[in-house]
Every structure is written in C-alpha cells, then in structure tokens.
Amino acid sequence: MRTVKEHVIAKRVTLKSYSEHDAESRHVLYTDSWDEPIDRVECADGFSMSVQHSRRHYCEPKVNRAEDRGMDFISYEVGFPSEKVEEFMPYAEDSCNPCETVYAYVPADIVEAVAAAHGGVI
C-alpha cells in the first residue's frame, strides 16, 4: 500500500509527463499539471475520496511545480468521500451533506490516518 502523498505525487508526475508529450506535439492541454484535479484516492476496503494539493486548492503549502514534491504536505483539500468521515467534519464547507462537500485544509496526518483505517491507498 502507498500513502496519500505518494498517490498525489504519482498522479502529478504522470500528468506532467503527459503535458510535456503534448507540448512536443503542439497540442498543449495543460501548462502546469499541478493545477489540474487528480483521480480519487481509492482504499483497499472500497472507501474513496478526492484529495487535491496544488496552488489552487485549499491546502498548504501551495505547490507550484514538480520540484516541490519533496516538501512536507501540511494539509490537503479533501472532497466527496464515499462515506461520512467524522475526522473531516470540522473542515467541512457543508456539514449537512458530508459526502457532497469539500473539506478545506484538512491536516495531512488526519488524511493519512483515514486512508490507513480503510486499508491504505491502492
């Protein structure tokens, strides 16, 4: 199993490589892959959530390029979990709809602990 941070970085590197390929063929879709949303985090028991980290998301630090991926991620923007997660509720934009909202600046250790409790990221 891998961590949430490893998932985020792996998806960003893949998108960055795709962007560079498109730039060579003159079909530029993304100029900065760190601004594009990435796939949901899927856990071993079927739980899933959106976890985003870039300069345009509710997270810290604001990451602008692949070279920043070695830094510590302090918080993530989490969204639309497949089930209510009590640990995320203090960060909810809409606490009445826990599976249909965004959670701003969720501490990275909470996100990692939730993923681990669901069997880890697959």
N, C-alpha and C. Protein backbone atom coordinates (compact mmCIF):
# COMPACT_ATOMS: atom_id res chain seq x y z
N MET A 1 0.84 -1.18 0.00
CA MET A 1 0.00 0.00 0.00
C MET A 1 0.88 1.25 0.00
N ARG A 2 0.33 2.32 -0.54
CA ARG A 2 1.09 3.57 -0.53
C ARG A 2 0.33 4.64 0.25
N THR A 3 1.02 5.73 0.53
CA THR A 3 0.41 6.81 1.29
C THR A 3 -0.38 7.72 0.35
N VAL A 4 -1.18 8.59 0.95
CA VAL A 4 -1.93 9.57 0.16
C VAL A 4 -0.95 10.49 -0.57
N LYS A 5 0.10 10.92 0.12
CA LYS A 5 1.09 11.80 -0.52
C LYS A 5 1.72 11.11 -1.73
N GLU A 6 2.06 9.83 -1.61
CA GLU A 6 2.64 9.10 -2.74
C GLU A 6 1.66 9.03 -3.90
N HIS A 7 0.37 8.87 -3.61
CA HIS A 7 -0.66 8.86 -4.65
C HIS A 7 -0.71 10.20 -5.37
N VAL A 8 -0.75 11.28 -4.60
CA VAL A 8 -0.82 12.63 -5.18
C VAL A 8 0.39 12.89 -6.07
N ILE A 9 1.57 12.58 -5.57
CA ILE A 9 2.79 12.83 -6.35
C ILE A 9 2.83 11.97 -7.60
N ALA A 10 2.47 10.71 -7.49
CA ALA A 10 2.47 9.82 -8.66
C ALA A 10 1.54 10.34 -9.74
N LYS A 11 0.37 10.82 -9.36
CA LYS A 11 -0.58 11.34 -10.34
C LYS A 11 -0.07 12.64 -10.96
N ARG A 12 0.57 13.47 -10.18
CA ARG A 12 1.10 14.73 -10.71
C ARG A 12 2.23 14.47 -11.70
N VAL A 13 3.11 13.54 -11.39
CA VAL A 13 4.22 13.23 -12.29
C VAL A 13 3.67 12.66 -13.59
N THR A 14 2.66 11.81 -13.52
CA THR A 14 2.05 11.26 -14.72
C THR A 14 1.46 12.37 -15.58
N LEU A 15 0.72 13.28 -14.95
CA LEU A 15 0.14 14.38 -15.70
C LEU A 15 1.21 15.29 -16.28
N LYS A 16 2.27 15.53 -15.53
CA LYS A 16 3.35 16.37 -16.03
C LYS A 16 3.98 15.73 -17.26
N SER A 17 4.23 14.44 -17.22
CA SER A 17 4.81 13.76 -18.38
C SER A 17 3.88 13.85 -19.57
N TYR A 18 2.60 13.67 -19.36
CA TYR A 18 1.61 13.78 -20.43
C TYR A 18 1.63 15.18 -21.02
N SER A 19 1.71 16.20 -20.16
CA SER A 19 1.74 17.57 -20.62
C SER A 19 2.96 17.84 -21.48
N GLU A 20 4.11 17.33 -21.06
CA GLU A 20 5.33 17.54 -21.84
C GLU A 20 5.20 16.87 -23.20
N HIS A 21 4.60 15.68 -23.25
CA HIS A 21 4.40 14.99 -24.52
C HIS A 21 3.50 15.82 -25.44
N ASP A 22 2.41 16.35 -24.89
CA ASP A 22 1.50 17.16 -25.70
C ASP A 22 2.18 18.43 -26.20
N ALA A 23 3.03 19.03 -25.37
CA ALA A 23 3.73 20.24 -25.79
C ALA A 23 4.61 19.97 -27.00
N GLU A 24 5.24 18.78 -27.01
CA GLU A 24 6.09 18.43 -28.15
C GLU A 24 5.28 18.25 -29.42
N SER A 25 4.06 17.77 -29.30
CA SER A 25 3.23 17.56 -30.49
C SER A 25 2.38 18.79 -30.82
N ARG A 26 2.60 19.89 -30.11
CA ARG A 26 1.91 21.16 -30.30
C ARG A 26 0.43 21.11 -29.95
N HIS A 27 0.05 20.14 -29.15
CA HIS A 27 -1.31 20.06 -28.65
C HIS A 27 -1.25 20.23 -27.14
N VAL A 28 -1.04 21.44 -26.69
CA VAL A 28 -0.86 21.71 -25.27
C VAL A 28 -2.23 21.75 -24.58
N LEU A 29 -2.45 20.80 -23.70
CA LEU A 29 -3.69 20.77 -22.94
C LEU A 29 -3.52 21.42 -21.57
N TYR A 30 -2.39 21.17 -20.93
CA TYR A 30 -2.12 21.71 -19.61
C TYR A 30 -0.72 22.29 -19.60
N THR A 31 -0.58 23.51 -19.10
CA THR A 31 0.75 24.07 -19.00
C THR A 31 1.36 23.83 -17.63
N ASP A 32 0.53 23.53 -16.65
CA ASP A 32 1.03 23.26 -15.30
C ASP A 32 0.17 22.17 -14.68
N SER A 33 0.62 20.95 -14.74
CA SER A 33 -0.19 19.82 -14.29
C SER A 33 -0.52 19.89 -12.80
N TRP A 34 0.20 20.66 -12.03
CA TRP A 34 -0.07 20.76 -10.61
C TRP A 34 -1.35 21.53 -10.34
N ASP A 35 -1.94 22.14 -11.36
CA ASP A 35 -3.20 22.85 -11.19
C ASP A 35 -4.41 21.99 -11.54
N GLU A 36 -4.20 20.85 -12.17
CA GLU A 36 -5.30 20.01 -12.62
C GLU A 36 -5.74 19.06 -11.52
N PRO A 37 -7.05 18.81 -11.41
CA PRO A 37 -7.53 17.82 -10.42
C PRO A 37 -6.98 16.44 -10.75
N ILE A 38 -6.79 15.64 -9.73
CA ILE A 38 -6.29 14.28 -9.93
C ILE A 38 -7.36 13.26 -9.53
N ASP A 39 -7.12 12.00 -9.89
CA ASP A 39 -8.06 10.93 -9.60
C ASP A 39 -8.32 10.79 -8.10
N ARG A 40 -9.47 10.21 -7.80
CA ARG A 40 -9.82 9.93 -6.41
C ARG A 40 -8.84 8.95 -5.78
N VAL A 41 -8.67 9.09 -4.49
CA VAL A 41 -7.90 8.12 -3.72
C VAL A 41 -8.84 6.95 -3.44
N GLU A 42 -8.43 5.76 -3.85
CA GLU A 42 -9.21 4.54 -3.63
C GLU A 42 -8.50 3.72 -2.56
N CYS A 43 -9.25 3.28 -1.56
CA CYS A 43 -8.67 2.48 -0.47
C CYS A 43 -9.04 1.01 -0.62
N ALA A 44 -8.31 0.17 0.09
CA ALA A 44 -8.45 -1.29 -0.04
C ALA A 44 -9.86 -1.79 0.28
N ASP A 45 -10.57 -1.13 1.19
CA ASP A 45 -11.91 -1.60 1.56
C ASP A 45 -13.03 -0.99 0.73
N GLY A 46 -12.68 -0.22 -0.31
CA GLY A 46 -13.68 0.38 -1.18
C GLY A 46 -13.98 1.84 -0.90
N PHE A 47 -13.53 2.35 0.22
CA PHE A 47 -13.70 3.76 0.55
C PHE A 47 -12.91 4.59 -0.47
N SER A 48 -13.45 5.76 -0.84
CA SER A 48 -12.73 6.66 -1.75
C SER A 48 -13.01 8.11 -1.37
N MET A 49 -12.11 8.97 -1.80
CA MET A 49 -12.24 10.41 -1.55
C MET A 49 -11.38 11.16 -2.56
N SER A 50 -11.77 12.37 -2.84
CA SER A 50 -10.93 13.25 -3.64
C SER A 50 -9.92 13.89 -2.71
N VAL A 51 -8.65 13.85 -3.08
CA VAL A 51 -7.59 14.52 -2.31
C VAL A 51 -6.78 15.34 -3.29
N GLN A 52 -6.80 16.66 -3.09
CA GLN A 52 -6.13 17.57 -4.01
C GLN A 52 -5.06 18.37 -3.28
N HIS A 53 -4.02 18.73 -4.02
CA HIS A 53 -2.94 19.53 -3.45
C HIS A 53 -2.25 20.30 -4.56
N SER A 54 -2.51 21.59 -4.65
CA SER A 54 -1.85 22.46 -5.62
C SER A 54 -2.00 23.91 -5.15
N ARG A 55 -1.49 24.80 -5.92
CA ARG A 55 -1.60 26.21 -5.54
C ARG A 55 -3.03 26.72 -5.63
N ARG A 56 -3.91 25.97 -6.28
CA ARG A 56 -5.29 26.42 -6.45
C ARG A 56 -6.28 25.68 -5.56
N HIS A 57 -5.79 24.85 -4.67
CA HIS A 57 -6.67 24.10 -3.78
C HIS A 57 -6.52 24.58 -2.34
N TYR A 58 -7.48 24.19 -1.50
CA TYR A 58 -7.47 24.55 -0.09
C TYR A 58 -6.49 23.64 0.64
N CYS A 59 -5.20 23.96 0.55
CA CYS A 59 -4.16 23.12 1.14
C CYS A 59 -2.93 23.96 1.44
N GLU A 60 -2.01 23.35 2.17
CA GLU A 60 -0.73 24.01 2.42
C GLU A 60 0.37 22.97 2.42
N PRO A 61 1.55 23.33 1.96
CA PRO A 61 1.86 24.57 1.25
C PRO A 61 1.28 24.55 -0.16
N LYS A 62 1.23 25.69 -0.77
CA LYS A 62 0.76 25.80 -2.14
C LYS A 62 1.89 25.31 -3.05
N VAL A 63 1.65 24.21 -3.76
CA VAL A 63 2.67 23.59 -4.60
C VAL A 63 2.49 24.09 -6.03
N ASN A 64 3.58 24.54 -6.63
CA ASN A 64 3.52 25.11 -7.96
C ASN A 64 4.19 24.30 -9.05
N ARG A 65 5.03 23.35 -8.67
CA ARG A 65 5.77 22.61 -9.69
C ARG A 65 6.25 21.28 -9.12
N ALA A 66 6.62 20.41 -10.01
CA ALA A 66 7.04 19.07 -9.60
C ALA A 66 8.22 19.10 -8.64
N GLU A 67 9.07 20.09 -8.75
CA GLU A 67 10.25 20.17 -7.89
C GLU A 67 9.88 20.33 -6.42
N ASP A 68 8.64 20.79 -6.15
CA ASP A 68 8.19 20.98 -4.78
C ASP A 68 7.71 19.70 -4.12
N ARG A 69 7.67 18.59 -4.87
CA ARG A 69 7.05 17.38 -4.34
C ARG A 69 7.79 16.76 -3.16
N GLY A 70 9.02 17.15 -2.91
CA GLY A 70 9.76 16.61 -1.78
C GLY A 70 9.41 17.28 -0.47
N MET A 71 8.70 18.39 -0.52
CA MET A 71 8.38 19.10 0.72
C MET A 71 7.28 18.37 1.49
N ASP A 72 7.18 18.71 2.76
CA ASP A 72 6.13 18.13 3.60
C ASP A 72 4.79 18.76 3.23
N PHE A 73 3.78 17.93 3.07
CA PHE A 73 2.43 18.42 2.84
C PHE A 73 1.79 18.61 4.22
N ILE A 74 1.37 19.81 4.52
CA ILE A 74 0.79 20.12 5.83
C ILE A 74 -0.69 19.80 5.85
N SER A 75 -1.38 20.15 4.75
CA SER A 75 -2.82 19.88 4.68
C SER A 75 -3.23 19.65 3.23
N TYR A 76 -4.41 19.04 3.07
CA TYR A 76 -4.97 18.74 1.76
C TYR A 76 -6.37 19.33 1.64
N GLU A 77 -6.82 19.48 0.41
CA GLU A 77 -8.24 19.69 0.15
C GLU A 77 -8.84 18.31 -0.10
N VAL A 78 -9.81 17.94 0.70
CA VAL A 78 -10.48 16.65 0.57
C VAL A 78 -11.91 16.92 0.11
N GLY A 79 -12.45 16.02 -0.68
CA GLY A 79 -13.83 16.23 -1.11
C GLY A 79 -14.56 14.94 -1.40
N PHE A 80 -15.86 15.01 -1.26
CA PHE A 80 -16.78 13.98 -1.73
C PHE A 80 -16.38 12.56 -1.31
N PRO A 81 -16.16 12.35 0.00
CA PRO A 81 -15.83 10.99 0.44
C PRO A 81 -17.02 10.06 0.20
N SER A 82 -16.74 8.79 0.00
CA SER A 82 -17.80 7.83 -0.28
C SER A 82 -18.66 7.53 0.94
N GLU A 83 -18.20 7.94 2.11
CA GLU A 83 -18.99 7.84 3.34
C GLU A 83 -18.56 8.95 4.27
N LYS A 84 -19.42 9.29 5.23
CA LYS A 84 -19.11 10.35 6.19
C LYS A 84 -17.88 9.97 7.02
N VAL A 85 -16.98 10.92 7.20
CA VAL A 85 -15.77 10.72 7.99
C VAL A 85 -15.78 11.76 9.11
N GLU A 86 -16.00 11.31 10.32
CA GLU A 86 -16.10 12.22 11.47
C GLU A 86 -14.87 13.12 11.61
N GLU A 87 -13.69 12.55 11.34
CA GLU A 87 -12.46 13.33 11.49
C GLU A 87 -12.40 14.52 10.53
N PHE A 88 -13.13 14.46 9.42
CA PHE A 88 -13.13 15.56 8.45
C PHE A 88 -14.16 16.65 8.76
N MET A 89 -15.14 16.35 9.58
CA MET A 89 -16.28 17.25 9.76
C MET A 89 -15.92 18.67 10.21
N PRO A 90 -14.91 18.89 11.06
CA PRO A 90 -14.57 20.27 11.43
C PRO A 90 -14.11 21.13 10.24
N TYR A 91 -13.77 20.50 9.13
CA TYR A 91 -13.23 21.20 7.96
C TYR A 91 -14.25 21.32 6.83
N ALA A 92 -15.47 20.85 7.06
CA ALA A 92 -16.50 20.78 6.01
C ALA A 92 -17.03 22.16 5.64
N GLU A 93 -17.20 22.37 4.33
CA GLU A 93 -17.88 23.58 3.87
C GLU A 93 -19.39 23.45 4.08
N ASP A 94 -19.93 22.24 3.94
CA ASP A 94 -21.35 21.98 4.11
C ASP A 94 -21.52 20.73 4.96
N SER A 95 -21.62 20.91 6.26
CA SER A 95 -21.69 19.77 7.17
C SER A 95 -23.01 19.00 7.07
N CYS A 96 -24.00 19.56 6.40
CA CYS A 96 -25.29 18.86 6.22
C CYS A 96 -25.22 17.81 5.12
N ASN A 97 -24.22 17.90 4.25
CA ASN A 97 -24.05 16.97 3.14
C ASN A 97 -22.62 16.44 3.12
N PRO A 98 -22.26 15.59 4.08
CA PRO A 98 -20.86 15.19 4.24
C PRO A 98 -20.24 14.44 3.07
N CYS A 99 -21.04 13.83 2.22
CA CYS A 99 -20.49 13.10 1.08
C CYS A 99 -20.54 13.93 -0.21
N GLU A 100 -21.03 15.16 -0.10
CA GLU A 100 -21.16 16.02 -1.28
C GLU A 100 -20.58 17.40 -1.03
N THR A 101 -19.49 17.46 -0.27
CA THR A 101 -18.88 18.73 0.05
C THR A 101 -17.37 18.66 -0.01
N VAL A 102 -16.76 19.81 0.12
CA VAL A 102 -15.30 19.94 0.15
C VAL A 102 -14.88 20.22 1.58
N TYR A 103 -13.74 19.70 1.94
CA TYR A 103 -13.16 19.89 3.27
C TYR A 103 -11.83 20.63 3.07
N ALA A 104 -11.75 21.85 3.61
CA ALA A 104 -10.59 22.70 3.37
C ALA A 104 -9.52 22.53 4.45
N TYR A 105 -8.27 22.51 4.00
CA TYR A 105 -7.10 22.49 4.87
C TYR A 105 -7.15 21.36 5.91
N VAL A 106 -7.49 20.16 5.47
CA VAL A 106 -7.51 19.01 6.38
C VAL A 106 -6.06 18.60 6.65
N PRO A 107 -5.65 18.55 7.90
CA PRO A 107 -4.27 18.18 8.21
C PRO A 107 -3.87 16.86 7.56
N ALA A 108 -2.67 16.83 7.02
CA ALA A 108 -2.19 15.65 6.29
C ALA A 108 -2.20 14.40 7.15
N ASP A 109 -1.88 14.53 8.44
CA ASP A 109 -1.86 13.33 9.28
C ASP A 109 -3.26 12.74 9.45
N ILE A 110 -4.29 13.56 9.45
CA ILE A 110 -5.67 13.05 9.53
C ILE A 110 -6.03 12.32 8.25
N VAL A 111 -5.69 12.90 7.10
CA VAL A 111 -5.98 12.27 5.81
C VAL A 111 -5.28 10.92 5.71
N GLU A 112 -4.02 10.88 6.08
CA GLU A 112 -3.26 9.62 6.04
C GLU A 112 -3.85 8.60 6.99
N ALA A 113 -4.27 9.02 8.18
CA ALA A 113 -4.84 8.09 9.16
C ALA A 113 -6.17 7.52 8.67
N VAL A 114 -6.99 8.35 8.03
CA VAL A 114 -8.27 7.87 7.49
C VAL A 114 -8.01 6.84 6.39
N ALA A 115 -7.08 7.14 5.50
CA ALA A 115 -6.75 6.19 4.43
C ALA A 115 -6.23 4.87 5.01
N ALA A 116 -5.38 4.94 6.02
CA ALA A 116 -4.83 3.74 6.66
C ALA A 116 -5.94 2.93 7.33
N ALA A 117 -6.90 3.62 7.96
CA ALA A 117 -8.00 2.93 8.61
C ALA A 117 -8.89 2.17 7.61
N HIS A 118 -8.82 2.57 6.36
CA HIS A 118 -9.59 1.90 5.30
C HIS A 118 -8.72 0.92 4.50
N GLY A 119 -7.62 0.52 5.07
CA GLY A 119 -6.77 -0.49 4.44
C GLY A 119 -5.66 0.06 3.58
N GLY A 120 -5.54 1.37 3.52
CA GLY A 120 -4.48 2.02 2.73
C GLY A 120 -4.90 2.28 1.30
N VAL A 121 -4.11 3.11 0.65
CA VAL A 121 -4.37 3.51 -0.74
C VAL A 121 -3.94 2.39 -1.68
N ILE A 122 -4.79 2.06 -2.63
CA ILE A 122 -4.43 1.01 -3.61
C ILE A 122 -4.13 1.65 -4.96
